[in-house]
Each structure stands twice: as C-alpha cells, then as structure tokens.
C-alpha atoms as a PDB file:
ATOM      1  CA  UNK A   1       5.757  56.145 -10.048  1.00  0.00           C
ATOM      2  CA  UNK A   2       5.407  55.076  -6.418  1.00  0.00           C
ATOM      3  CA  UNK A   3       1.721  54.451  -7.007  1.00  0.00           C
ATOM      4  CA  UNK A   4       2.548  52.331 -10.043  1.00  0.00           C
ATOM      5  CA  UNK A   5       5.127  50.349  -8.059  1.00  0.00           C
ATOM      6  CA  UNK A   6       2.624  49.753  -5.230  1.00  0.00           C
ATOM      7  CA  UNK A   7       0.058  48.615  -7.769  1.00  0.00           C
ATOM      8  CA  UNK A   8       2.520  46.175  -9.385  1.00  0.00           C
ATOM      9  CA  UNK A   9       3.561  44.742  -6.025  1.00  0.00           C
ATOM     10  CA  UNK A  10      -0.080  44.496  -5.050  1.00  0.00           C
ATOM     11  CA  UNK A  11      -0.880  42.524  -8.179  1.00  0.00           C
ATOM     12  CA  UNK A  12       2.132  40.250  -7.666  1.00  0.00           C
ATOM     13  CA  UNK A  13       1.084  39.577  -4.078  1.00  0.00           C
ATOM     14  CA  UNK A  14      -2.456  38.805  -5.219  1.00  0.00           C
ATOM     15  CA  UNK A  15      -1.171  36.413  -7.874  1.00  0.00           C
ATOM     16  CA  UNK A  16       1.029  34.709  -5.281  1.00  0.00           C
ATOM     17  CA  UNK A  17      -1.908  34.242  -2.900  1.00  0.00           C
ATOM     18  CA  UNK A  18      -4.115  32.898  -5.673  1.00  0.00           C
ATOM     19  CA  UNK A  19      -1.360  30.540  -6.816  1.00  0.00           C
ATOM     20  CA  UNK A  20      -0.662  29.179  -3.330  1.00  0.00           C
ATOM     21  CA  UNK A  21      -4.361  28.842  -2.484  1.00  0.00           C
ATOM     22  CA  UNK A  22      -5.072  27.282  -5.832  1.00  0.00           C
ATOM     23  CA  UNK A  23      -2.244  24.801  -5.396  1.00  0.00           C
ATOM     24  CA  UNK A  24      -3.484  23.698  -1.991  1.00  0.00           C
ATOM     25  CA  UNK A  25      -7.064  23.515  -3.180  1.00  0.00           C
ATOM     26  CA  UNK A  26      -6.067  21.641  -6.308  1.00  0.00           C
ATOM     27  CA  UNK A  27      -4.138  19.100  -4.294  1.00  0.00           C
ATOM     28  CA  UNK A  28      -7.138  18.366  -2.065  1.00  0.00           C
ATOM     29  CA  UNK A  29      -9.572  18.581  -4.952  1.00  0.00           C
ATOM     30  CA  UNK A  30      -7.498  16.198  -7.040  1.00  0.00           C
ATOM     31  CA  UNK A  31      -7.549  13.497  -4.382  1.00  0.00           C
ATOM     32  CA  UNK A  32     -11.282  13.948  -3.859  1.00  0.00           C
ATOM     33  CA  UNK A  33     -12.002  13.916  -7.583  1.00  0.00           C
ATOM     34  CA  UNK A  34      -9.879  10.843  -8.215  1.00  0.00           C
ATOM     35  CA  UNK A  35     -11.668   8.853  -5.541  1.00  0.00           C
ATOM     36  CA  UNK A  36     -15.149  10.197  -6.169  1.00  0.00           C
ATOM     37  CA  UNK A  37     -15.497  11.474  -9.723  1.00  0.00           C
ATOM     38  CA  UNK A  38     -12.672  10.308 -12.000  1.00  0.00           C
ATOM     39  CA  UNK A  39     -14.253   7.835 -14.432  1.00  0.00           C
ATOM     40  CA  UNK A  40     -10.945   6.351 -15.557  1.00  0.00           C
ATOM     41  CA  UNK A  41     -10.078   5.516 -11.957  1.00  0.00           C
ATOM     42  CA  UNK A  42     -13.517   4.015 -11.394  1.00  0.00           C
ATOM     43  CA  UNK A  43     -13.068   1.812 -14.459  1.00  0.00           C
ATOM     44  CA  UNK A  44      -9.594   0.758 -13.288  1.00  0.00           C
ATOM     45  CA  UNK A  45     -10.805  -0.148  -9.803  1.00  0.00           C
ATOM     46  CA  UNK A  46     -13.668  -2.120 -11.330  1.00  0.00           C
ATOM     47  CA  UNK A  47     -11.083  -4.437 -12.918  1.00  0.00           C
ATOM     48  CA  UNK A  48      -9.940  -5.593  -9.484  1.00  0.00           C
ATOM     49  CA  UNK A  49     -11.036  -9.152  -8.859  1.00  0.00           C
ATOM     50  CA  UNK A  50     -11.437 -11.293  -5.756  1.00  0.00           C
ATOM     51  CA  UNK A  51      -8.052 -12.568  -4.569  1.00  0.00           C
ATOM     52  CA  UNK A  52      -7.194 -15.450  -2.297  1.00  0.00           C
ATOM     53  CA  UNK A  53      -3.373 -15.382  -2.351  1.00  0.00           C
ATOM     54  CA  UNK A  54      -1.123 -12.333  -2.215  1.00  0.00           C
ATOM     55  CA  UNK A  55       2.315 -13.747  -1.490  1.00  0.00           C
ATOM     56  CA  UNK A  56       4.386 -16.230   0.478  1.00  0.00           C
ATOM     57  CA  UNK A  57       7.488 -16.520   2.646  1.00  0.00           C
ATOM     58  CA  UNK A  58      10.084 -19.217   3.285  1.00  0.00           C
ATOM     59  CA  UNK A  59      13.164 -19.639   5.450  1.00  0.00           C
ATOM     60  CA  UNK A  60      16.447 -19.341   3.565  1.00  0.00           C
ATOM     61  CA  UNK A  61      18.504 -20.258   6.640  1.00  0.00           C
ATOM     62  CA  UNK A  62      18.527 -20.136  10.400  1.00  0.00           C
ATOM     63  CA  UNK A  63      21.687 -19.826  12.475  1.00  0.00           C
ATOM     64  CA  UNK A  64      22.782 -19.003  15.991  1.00  0.00           C
ATOM     65  CA  UNK A  65      25.330 -16.235  16.560  1.00  0.00           C
ATOM     66  CA  UNK A  66      26.535 -15.095  19.973  1.00  0.00           C
ATOM     67  CA  UNK A  67      23.799 -17.144  21.579  1.00  0.00           C
ATOM     68  CA  UNK A  68      21.016 -15.585  19.509  1.00  0.00           C
ATOM     69  CA  UNK A  69      18.950 -17.227  16.772  1.00  0.00           C
ATOM     70  CA  UNK A  70      18.639 -15.408  13.448  1.00  0.00           C
ATOM     71  CA  UNK A  71      16.301 -16.224  10.578  1.00  0.00           C
ATOM     72  CA  UNK A  72      16.815 -15.136   6.981  1.00  0.00           C
ATOM     73  CA  UNK A  73      13.407 -15.104   5.351  1.00  0.00           C
ATOM     74  CA  UNK A  74      12.622 -14.698   1.674  1.00  0.00           C
ATOM     75  CA  UNK A  75       9.415 -12.779   1.088  1.00  0.00           C
ATOM     76  CA  UNK A  76       7.692 -13.036  -2.293  1.00  0.00           C
ATOM     77  CA  UNK A  77       4.810 -10.929  -3.569  1.00  0.00           C
ATOM     78  CA  UNK A  78       2.770 -12.651  -6.278  1.00  0.00           C
ATOM     79  CA  UNK A  79       0.916 -11.228  -9.266  1.00  0.00           C
ATOM     80  CA  UNK A  80      -2.806 -10.516  -9.147  1.00  0.00           C
ATOM     81  CA  UNK A  81      -3.577 -12.633 -12.194  1.00  0.00           C
ATOM     82  CA  UNK A  82      -1.037 -15.438 -11.667  1.00  0.00           C
ATOM     83  CA  UNK A  83      -0.177 -16.724  -8.201  1.00  0.00           C
ATOM     84  CA  UNK A  84       2.912 -18.463  -9.606  1.00  0.00           C
ATOM     85  CA  UNK A  85       4.338 -15.222 -11.000  1.00  0.00           C
ATOM     86  CA  UNK A  86       6.670 -13.179  -8.797  1.00  0.00           C
ATOM     87  CA  UNK A  87       6.398  -9.375  -8.916  1.00  0.00           C
ATOM     88  CA  UNK A  88       8.602  -8.608  -5.902  1.00  0.00           C
ATOM     89  CA  UNK A  89      11.141 -10.653  -3.954  1.00  0.00           C
ATOM     90  CA  UNK A  90      13.185  -9.572  -0.921  1.00  0.00           C
ATOM     91  CA  UNK A  91      15.192 -11.190   1.857  1.00  0.00           C
ATOM     92  CA  UNK A  92      15.268 -10.038   5.469  1.00  0.00           C
ATOM     93  CA  UNK A  93      17.345 -11.148   8.430  1.00  0.00           C
ATOM     94  CA  UNK A  94      15.264 -11.274  11.591  1.00  0.00           C
ATOM     95  CA  UNK A  95      16.417 -11.909  15.131  1.00  0.00           C
ATOM     96  CA  UNK A  96      14.524 -14.937  16.434  1.00  0.00           C
ATOM     97  CA  UNK A  97      12.199 -17.225  14.500  1.00  0.00           C
ATOM     98  CA  UNK A  98       8.829 -15.515  14.936  1.00  0.00           C
ATOM     99  CA  UNK A  99       8.156 -13.057  12.129  1.00  0.00           C
ATOM    100  CA  UNK A 100       5.335 -10.541  11.692  1.00  0.00           C
ATOM    101  CA  UNK A 101       3.970  -9.679   8.242  1.00  0.00           C
ATOM    102  CA  UNK A 102       2.083  -6.398   8.026  1.00  0.00           C
ATOM    103  CA  UNK A 103      -0.378  -5.896   5.169  1.00  0.00           C
ATOM    104  CA  UNK A 104      -2.987  -3.222   4.594  1.00  0.00           C
ATOM    105  CA  UNK A 105      -6.360  -3.951   3.012  1.00  0.00           C
ATOM    106  CA  UNK A 106      -7.894  -0.839   1.418  1.00  0.00           C
ATOM    107  CA  UNK A 107     -11.544  -1.311   0.516  1.00  0.00           C
ATOM    108  CA  UNK A 108     -13.245   1.185  -1.775  1.00  0.00           C
ATOM    109  CA  UNK A 109     -16.914   1.946  -1.200  1.00  0.00           C
ATOM    110  CA  UNK A 110     -19.314   1.098  -4.008  1.00  0.00           C
ATOM    111  CA  UNK A 111     -19.616   4.728  -5.142  1.00  0.00           C
ATOM    112  CA  UNK A 112     -15.898   4.790  -5.978  1.00  0.00           C
ATOM    113  CA  UNK A 113     -16.190   1.914  -8.459  1.00  0.00           C
ATOM    114  CA  UNK A 114     -17.789   2.080 -11.890  1.00  0.00           C
ATOM    115  CA  UNK A 115     -19.919  -1.061 -11.516  1.00  0.00           C
ATOM    116  CA  UNK A 116     -21.019  -0.158  -7.979  1.00  0.00           C
ATOM    117  CA  UNK A 117     -19.418  -3.226  -6.417  1.00  0.00           C
ATOM    118  CA  UNK A 118     -16.974  -2.973  -3.542  1.00  0.00           C
ATOM    119  CA  UNK A 119     -13.324  -3.558  -4.444  1.00  0.00           C
ATOM    120  CA  UNK A 120     -10.128  -3.881  -2.419  1.00  0.00           C
ATOM    121  CA  UNK A 121      -6.389  -3.338  -2.727  1.00  0.00           C
ATOM    122  CA  UNK A 122      -3.927  -5.437  -0.724  1.00  0.00           C
ATOM    123  CA  UNK A 123      -0.734  -3.586   0.134  1.00  0.00           C
ATOM    124  CA  UNK A 124       2.296  -5.071   1.884  1.00  0.00           C
ATOM    125  CA  UNK A 125       3.802  -2.625   4.364  1.00  0.00           C
ATOM    126  CA  UNK A 126       6.582  -4.241   6.394  1.00  0.00           C
ATOM    127  CA  UNK A 127       8.170  -7.324   7.927  1.00  0.00           C
ATOM    128  CA  UNK A 128       9.542  -7.383  11.470  1.00  0.00           C
ATOM    129  CA  UNK A 129      10.657  -9.793  14.176  1.00  0.00           C
ATOM    130  CA  UNK A 130       9.275 -10.381  17.647  1.00  0.00           C
ATOM    131  CA  UNK A 131      12.174  -8.394  19.124  1.00  0.00           C
ATOM    132  CA  UNK A 132      11.500  -5.356  16.927  1.00  0.00           C
ATOM    133  CA  UNK A 133       9.030  -2.527  17.230  1.00  0.00           C
ATOM    134  CA  UNK A 134       6.713  -2.430  14.169  1.00  0.00           C
ATOM    135  CA  UNK A 135       8.027   1.026  13.265  1.00  0.00           C
ATOM    136  CA  UNK A 136      11.538  -0.464  13.103  1.00  0.00           C
ATOM    137  CA  UNK A 137      10.461  -3.169  10.658  1.00  0.00           C
ATOM    138  CA  UNK A 138      11.699  -3.637   7.108  1.00  0.00           C
ATOM    139  CA  UNK A 139       9.631  -2.013   4.359  1.00  0.00           C
ATOM    140  CA  UNK A 140       8.197  -4.227   1.650  1.00  0.00           C
ATOM    141  CA  UNK A 141       6.778  -1.597  -0.709  1.00  0.00           C
ATOM    142  CA  UNK A 142       8.168   1.910  -0.969  1.00  0.00           C
ATOM    143  CA  UNK A 143       5.903   4.417   0.765  1.00  0.00           C
ATOM    144  CA  UNK A 144       3.990   6.486  -1.795  1.00  0.00           C
ATOM    145  CA  UNK A 145       5.059   4.351  -4.741  1.00  0.00           C
ATOM    146  CA  UNK A 146       2.851   2.243  -6.981  1.00  0.00           C
ATOM    147  CA  UNK A 147       2.907  -1.282  -5.476  1.00  0.00           C
ATOM    148  CA  UNK A 148       4.578  -3.875  -7.688  1.00  0.00           C
ATOM    149  CA  UNK A 149       1.491  -6.085  -7.924  1.00  0.00           C
ATOM    150  CA  UNK A 150      -0.630  -3.157  -9.157  1.00  0.00           C
ATOM    151  CA  UNK A 151       1.771  -1.937 -11.838  1.00  0.00           C
ATOM    152  CA  UNK A 152      -0.300  -0.944 -14.847  1.00  0.00           C
ATOM    153  CA  UNK A 153      -3.602  -0.823 -12.965  1.00  0.00           C
ATOM    154  CA  UNK A 154      -3.879   2.928 -13.467  1.00  0.00           C
ATOM    155  CA  UNK A 155      -2.162   3.054 -16.858  1.00  0.00           C
ATOM    156  CA  UNK A 156      -5.006   5.120 -18.374  1.00  0.00           C
ATOM    157  CA  UNK A 157      -4.549   7.885 -15.820  1.00  0.00           C
ATOM    158  CA  UNK A 158      -2.063  10.704 -16.200  1.00  0.00           C
ATOM    159  CA  UNK A 159       1.243  10.211 -14.404  1.00  0.00           C
ATOM    160  CA  UNK A 160       0.402  13.105 -12.085  1.00  0.00           C
ATOM    161  CA  UNK A 161      -2.946  11.557 -11.181  1.00  0.00           C
ATOM    162  CA  UNK A 162      -1.335   8.170 -10.543  1.00  0.00           C
ATOM    163  CA  UNK A 163       1.221   9.800  -8.261  1.00  0.00           C
ATOM    164  CA  UNK A 164      -1.466  11.703  -6.354  1.00  0.00           C
ATOM    165  CA  UNK A 165      -3.562   8.553  -5.977  1.00  0.00           C
ATOM    166  CA  UNK A 166      -0.816   6.323  -4.566  1.00  0.00           C
ATOM    167  CA  UNK A 167       0.554   9.055  -2.314  1.00  0.00           C
ATOM    168  CA  UNK A 168      -2.948   9.589  -0.967  1.00  0.00           C
ATOM    169  CA  UNK A 169      -3.513   5.874  -0.320  1.00  0.00           C
ATOM    170  CA  UNK A 170      -0.269   5.491   1.621  1.00  0.00           C
ATOM    171  CA  UNK A 171      -0.724   8.748   3.549  1.00  0.00           C
ATOM    172  CA  UNK A 172      -4.408   8.233   4.317  1.00  0.00           C
ATOM    173  CA  UNK A 173      -3.623   4.768   5.639  1.00  0.00           C
ATOM    174  CA  UNK A 174      -2.611   6.439   8.901  1.00  0.00           C
ATOM    175  CA  UNK A 175      -5.655   8.732   8.988  1.00  0.00           C
ATOM    176  CA  UNK A 176      -8.860   6.656   9.397  1.00  0.00           C
ATOM    177  CA  UNK A 177     -11.106   9.730   9.566  1.00  0.00           C
ATOM    178  CA  UNK A 178      -9.889  10.971   6.179  1.00  0.00           C
ATOM    179  CA  UNK A 179     -10.334   7.488   4.785  1.00  0.00           C
ATOM    180  CA  UNK A 180     -13.978   7.533   5.817  1.00  0.00           C
ATOM    181  CA  UNK A 181     -14.498  10.941   4.225  1.00  0.00           C
ATOM    182  CA  UNK A 182     -13.214   9.570   0.941  1.00  0.00           C
ATOM    183  CA  UNK A 183     -15.349   6.442   1.167  1.00  0.00           C
ATOM    184  CA  UNK A 184     -12.440   4.117   1.955  1.00  0.00           C
ATOM    185  CA  UNK A 185     -12.203   1.466   4.642  1.00  0.00           C
ATOM    186  CA  UNK A 186      -8.749   0.349   5.816  1.00  0.00           C
ATOM    187  CA  UNK A 187      -8.014  -2.894   7.685  1.00  0.00           C
ATOM    188  CA  UNK A 188      -4.558  -3.503   9.120  1.00  0.00           C
ATOM    189  CA  UNK A 189      -3.095  -7.003   9.131  1.00  0.00           C
ATOM    190  CA  UNK A 190      -0.423  -6.231  11.707  1.00  0.00           C
ATOM    191  CA  UNK A 191      -1.296  -9.240  13.886  1.00  0.00           C
ATOM    192  CA  UNK A 192      -0.283 -11.785  11.242  1.00  0.00           C
ATOM    193  CA  UNK A 193       2.747 -13.618  12.577  1.00  0.00           C
ATOM    194  CA  UNK A 194       4.236 -17.080  12.442  1.00  0.00           C
ATOM    195  CA  UNK A 195       7.086 -19.084  13.956  1.00  0.00           C
ATOM    196  CA  UNK A 196       9.074 -19.999  10.858  1.00  0.00           C
ATOM    197  CA  UNK A 197      10.830 -23.300  10.166  1.00  0.00           C
ATOM    198  CA  UNK A 198      13.007 -24.419   7.229  1.00  0.00           C
ATOM    199  CA  UNK A 199      11.375 -26.755   4.713  1.00  0.00           C
ATOM    200  CA  UNK A 200       8.016 -25.020   4.805  1.00  0.00           C
ATOM    201  CA  UNK A 201       6.335 -22.329   2.718  1.00  0.00           C
ATOM    202  CA  UNK A 202       3.981 -19.870   4.367  1.00  0.00           C
ATOM    203  CA  UNK A 203       1.344 -18.837   1.842  1.00  0.00           C
ATOM    204  CA  UNK A 204      -0.588 -15.678   2.669  1.00  0.00           C
ATOM    205  CA  UNK A 205      -4.284 -16.000   1.912  1.00  0.00           C
ATOM    206  CA  UNK A 206      -7.184 -13.533   2.032  1.00  0.00           C
ATOM    207  CA  UNK A 207     -10.494 -14.649   3.513  1.00  0.00           C
ATOM    208  CA  UNK A 208     -13.886 -13.641   2.103  1.00  0.00           C
ATOM    209  CA  UNK A 209     -14.077 -10.940   4.794  1.00  0.00           C
ATOM    210  CA  UNK A 210     -10.697  -9.486   3.781  1.00  0.00           C
ATOM    211  CA  UNK A 211      -8.690 -10.922   6.679  1.00  0.00           C
ATOM    212  CA  UNK A 212      -5.106 -12.057   6.056  1.00  0.00           C
ATOM    213  CA  UNK A 213      -3.865 -15.437   7.322  1.00  0.00           C
ATOM    214  CA  UNK A 214      -0.887 -17.749   6.620  1.00  0.00           C
ATOM    215  CA  UNK A 215      -1.314 -21.272   5.277  1.00  0.00           C
ATOM    216  CA  UNK A 216       1.607 -23.671   5.759  1.00  0.00           C
ATOM    217  CA  UNK A 217       2.585 -26.112   3.005  1.00  0.00           C
ATOM    218  CA  UNK A 218       5.704 -28.294   2.455  1.00  0.00           C
ATOM    219  CA  UNK A 219       8.497 -26.788   0.320  1.00  0.00           C
ATOM    220  CA  UNK A 220       8.689 -29.556  -2.261  1.00  0.00           C
END
C-alpha cells in the first residue's frame, strides 16, 4: 500500500512539473510563434498601411488657481482609415501649459509580415506636464489591452492569441533586447512636447522615418 501511495504521489508530482513547465514553455512559445510563424498574424500585420496622422490635442480651458496655471487638454486618437473619425477621446488637467505626449512606434521586421515589407504600429502611452515625472503621467491606452485604433486588426486570431500578442507588445516595450530577439524595433516618442494655447489644434503626424511631431493649425 505504501509503495502504491508513493507511486501515485510520484506520478502526481511528475504531472505537476510537466504542467508547470509546459505552461511556461507554451507562454514563451506562443509569443515567439505569433511573431515569427503565425500566418494569420502575418496577414493581419500586412494590412497595416503608411500613416501620417495618429491623433490631435486641443486646449479646453486654461485657468490660474492659487497662483498656478492649469491647462485642461482634450486628447483625441483618430482611426487608421479615417483621420476625421475618433476612436478614443480623453481630457486631462495638467499643471502649466507645456504638455508632453508619449507615443511608442513598434516596427515589425520584414520576416514578421506576410508580404515581406516592414510595418509599424503606433501606440499612445501617456500624457504628462512639465512639472510631472513621465511615470506619473496619465495613461492614454490601457496597458496590455488592444489599442482603440487597432480594434479588429487581429479579429481572425483566437482571443487567447490576441491577448498574448498585445500583452507581449506592451511588456516588451520596456525590454529592447527581447524586442530585438523577436524581430521588433521600438522607438519612443517621449520627447514630443508643446506649449499649448487655446484656439489651436495640435495634430500629431508621423514622418517617413517613423518620428512623431506636432503640427499646429487654427481651430476653426
């Protein structure tokens, strides 16, 4: 009986080890497969097109309280296929009038895309004032979630695969070495800032090299 019990416990322990190891391996393997081998993902990424506008901001109001200037800014994220269509809209109150807009450009190497042409994702991370540390800024997109402007991009993938993909993108954004291993290049736009004034719209454009910059136009 004791021998039987030891055998059963031994088998259970072995199953547990295999399960835990398999889970960890599967998690890593899934990310690698999605970025390097999953054909549906490759096809989806191949549908990404060159973009030149990814959003805009405008001042809702500016006021002085207790001797300090505050700016309420409305931030709008626009659709990939229609720059006049809003997919996300938020308002933030910032101390001062100089506001930083932090975006992440994720470029996929040609081997990760079905047609062999490099493609990029443009992800908004946060908004913060000149008197704030970047880490204390206001989030634009929820970390790990599918960004609003890319809703439906991965519709052909299983929900689990979509979740793994977006979690990986957000997490790998802070790990350049892992990004390189997966054939991804990340460029941070954390130096994009502007002194904001009422009556103007600050349109965020993407250059041919993937750099983010604001273009100022009148709010007609």
